[in-house]
C-alpha atoms as a PDB file:
ATOM      1  CA  MET A   1     142.668 147.385  64.375  1.00  0.00           C
ATOM      2  CA  LYS A   2     141.221 147.941  60.895  1.00  0.00           C
ATOM      3  CA  THR A   3     142.140 150.818  58.663  1.00  0.00           C
ATOM      4  CA  ILE A   4     139.298 153.267  58.126  1.00  0.00           C
ATOM      5  CA  SER A   5     138.607 154.470  54.628  1.00  0.00           C
ATOM      6  CA  TYR A   6     135.786 156.326  52.943  1.00  0.00           C
ATOM      7  CA  ALA A   7     133.575 155.493  49.975  1.00  0.00           C
ATOM      8  CA  PHE A   8     132.332 158.341  47.781  1.00  0.00           C
ATOM      9  CA  PHE A   9     128.538 158.025  47.756  1.00  0.00           C
ATOM     10  CA  VAL A  10     125.649 160.112  46.468  1.00  0.00           C
ATOM     11  CA  THR A  11     121.897 160.081  46.868  1.00  0.00           C
ATOM     12  CA  GLU A  12     119.671 158.964  44.030  1.00  0.00           C
ATOM     13  CA  ALA A  13     118.799 162.609  43.332  1.00  0.00           C
ATOM     14  CA  GLU A  14     122.516 163.468  42.933  1.00  0.00           C
ATOM     15  CA  TYR A  15     123.360 160.414  40.810  1.00  0.00           C
ATOM     16  CA  PRO A  16     122.542 161.924  37.375  1.00  0.00           C
ATOM     17  CA  SER A  17     124.801 164.894  38.166  1.00  0.00           C
ATOM     18  CA  LEU A  18     127.615 162.527  39.098  1.00  0.00           C
ATOM     19  CA  GLN A  19     127.156 160.568  35.881  1.00  0.00           C
ATOM     20  CA  ALA A  20     127.253 163.809  33.879  1.00  0.00           C
ATOM     21  CA  ALA A  21     130.392 165.014  35.674  1.00  0.00           C
ATOM     22  CA  CYS A  22     132.205 161.697  35.194  1.00  0.00           C
ATOM     23  CA  PRO A  23     130.911 160.200  31.935  1.00  0.00           C
ATOM     24  CA  GLY A  24     131.475 156.478  31.585  1.00  0.00           C
ATOM     25  CA  ASP A  25     132.626 155.982  35.179  1.00  0.00           C
ATOM     26  CA  PHE A  26     129.352 154.712  36.632  1.00  0.00           C
ATOM     27  CA  PRO A  27     126.705 152.108  35.833  1.00  0.00           C
ATOM     28  CA  PRO A  28     123.503 153.263  34.149  1.00  0.00           C
ATOM     29  CA  SER A  29     121.259 152.794  37.181  1.00  0.00           C
ATOM     30  CA  TYR A  30     121.464 154.030  40.737  1.00  0.00           C
ATOM     31  CA  ALA A  31     120.603 150.522  41.972  1.00  0.00           C
ATOM     32  CA  GLU A  32     123.711 149.156  40.209  1.00  0.00           C
ATOM     33  CA  PHE A  33     125.820 151.937  41.703  1.00  0.00           C
ATOM     34  CA  CYS A  34     124.545 151.113  45.215  1.00  0.00           C
ATOM     35  CA  ALA A  35     125.146 147.397  44.688  1.00  0.00           C
ATOM     36  CA  SER A  36     128.703 148.100  43.569  1.00  0.00           C
ATOM     37  CA  VAL A  37     129.457 150.215  46.645  1.00  0.00           C
ATOM     38  CA  GLU A  38     127.903 147.631  48.976  1.00  0.00           C
ATOM     39  CA  ARG A  39     129.926 144.865  47.289  1.00  0.00           C
ATOM     40  CA  SER A  40     133.132 146.850  47.821  1.00  0.00           C
ATOM     41  CA  ILE A  41     132.286 147.365  51.483  1.00  0.00           C
ATOM     42  CA  ARG A  42     131.681 143.616  51.964  1.00  0.00           C
ATOM     43  CA  GLU A  43     134.832 142.614  50.059  1.00  0.00           C
ATOM     44  CA  MET A  44     137.023 144.894  52.150  1.00  0.00           C
ATOM     45  CA  ALA A  45     135.341 144.184  55.490  1.00  0.00           C
ATOM     46  CA  ASP A  46     138.068 141.853  56.767  1.00  0.00           C
ATOM     47  CA  THR A  47     140.805 144.455  56.517  1.00  0.00           C
ATOM     48  CA  VAL A  48     139.212 147.896  56.060  1.00  0.00           C
ATOM     49  CA  ALA A  49     136.314 149.655  57.734  1.00  0.00           C
ATOM     50  CA  LEU A  50     134.875 151.372  54.674  1.00  0.00           C
ATOM     51  CA  GLU A  51     132.368 154.085  55.496  1.00  0.00           C
ATOM     52  CA  LYS A  52     130.056 155.773  52.995  1.00  0.00           C
ATOM     53  CA  VAL A  53     130.536 159.499  52.675  1.00  0.00           C
ATOM     54  CA  TYR A  54     127.512 161.242  51.188  1.00  0.00           C
ATOM     55  CA  VAL A  55     128.709 163.835  48.718  1.00  0.00           C
ATOM     56  CA  ARG A  56     126.993 166.774  47.054  1.00  0.00           C
ATOM     57  CA  VAL A  57     128.180 166.705  43.472  1.00  0.00           C
ATOM     58  CA  ASP A  58     128.245 170.497  43.100  1.00  0.00           C
ATOM     59  CA  GLU A  59     130.527 170.782  46.137  1.00  0.00           C
ATOM     60  CA  PHE A  60     132.775 168.013  44.823  1.00  0.00           C
ATOM     61  CA  LEU A  61     133.067 169.760  41.440  1.00  0.00           C
ATOM     62  CA  ALA A  62     133.836 173.094  43.131  1.00  0.00           C
ATOM     63  CA  TRP A  63     136.549 171.374  45.192  1.00  0.00           C
ATOM     64  CA  CYS A  64     137.992 169.829  42.012  1.00  0.00           C
ATOM     65  CA  ALA A  65     138.043 173.219  40.285  1.00  0.00           C
ATOM     66  CA  GLU A  66     139.729 174.867  43.266  1.00  0.00           C
ATOM     67  CA  ALA A  67     142.342 172.095  43.434  1.00  0.00           C
ATOM     68  CA  SER A  68     142.802 172.016  39.619  1.00  0.00           C
ATOM     69  CA  LEU A  69     141.776 168.348  39.517  1.00  0.00           C
ATOM     70  CA  ARG A  70     139.684 166.464  36.984  1.00  0.00           C
ATOM     71  CA  PRO A  71     136.634 164.722  38.438  1.00  0.00           C
ATOM     72  CA  ASN A  72     137.736 161.089  38.245  1.00  0.00           C
ATOM     73  CA  ASN A  73     138.265 158.073  40.480  1.00  0.00           C
ATOM     74  CA  ILE A  74     141.393 159.511  42.092  1.00  0.00           C
ATOM     75  CA  SER A  75     139.807 162.862  42.909  1.00  0.00           C
ATOM     76  CA  ARG A  76     136.611 161.168  44.155  1.00  0.00           C
ATOM     77  CA  THR A  77     138.661 158.988  46.494  1.00  0.00           C
ATOM     78  CA  ARG A  78     140.663 161.944  47.737  1.00  0.00           C
ATOM     79  CA  TYR A  79     137.538 164.047  48.271  1.00  0.00           C
ATOM     80  CA  ALA A  80     135.809 161.258  50.209  1.00  0.00           C
ATOM     81  CA  ILE A  81     138.826 161.056  52.517  1.00  0.00           C
ATOM     82  CA  VAL A  82     138.961 164.815  52.963  1.00  0.00           C
ATOM     83  CA  ILE A  83     135.308 165.173  53.917  1.00  0.00           C
ATOM     84  CA  GLY A  84     135.086 161.857  55.742  1.00  0.00           C
ATOM     85  CA  ASN A  85     138.108 162.520  57.920  1.00  0.00           C
ATOM     86  CA  PRO A  86     138.217 166.020  59.406  1.00  0.00           C
ATOM     87  CA  TRP A  87     141.954 165.611  60.089  1.00  0.00           C
ATOM     88  CA  ALA A  88     142.881 164.769  56.494  1.00  0.00           C
ATOM     89  CA  ASP A  89     144.788 167.255  54.374  1.00  0.00           C
ATOM     90  CA  SER A  90     142.855 168.786  51.515  1.00  0.00           C
END
């Protein structure tokens, strides 16, 4: 049985907000962002079932503020797990 994990993902409309919230963390274009996520899903496919979790950036930032976390790779990963898995601890 494969492990299930969750990939933080946003729509094209949300992408500029994500870039602004996490400067320097993402490629300049949404197409590059999508390609990167798809590549990660393919690379992990043998061992992990990686599912995209569509995130609203404003809700992610509110969650970060409430949890006293900076919006970065660690908090994005944690948030994707929390909203992707209803049984995960927040």
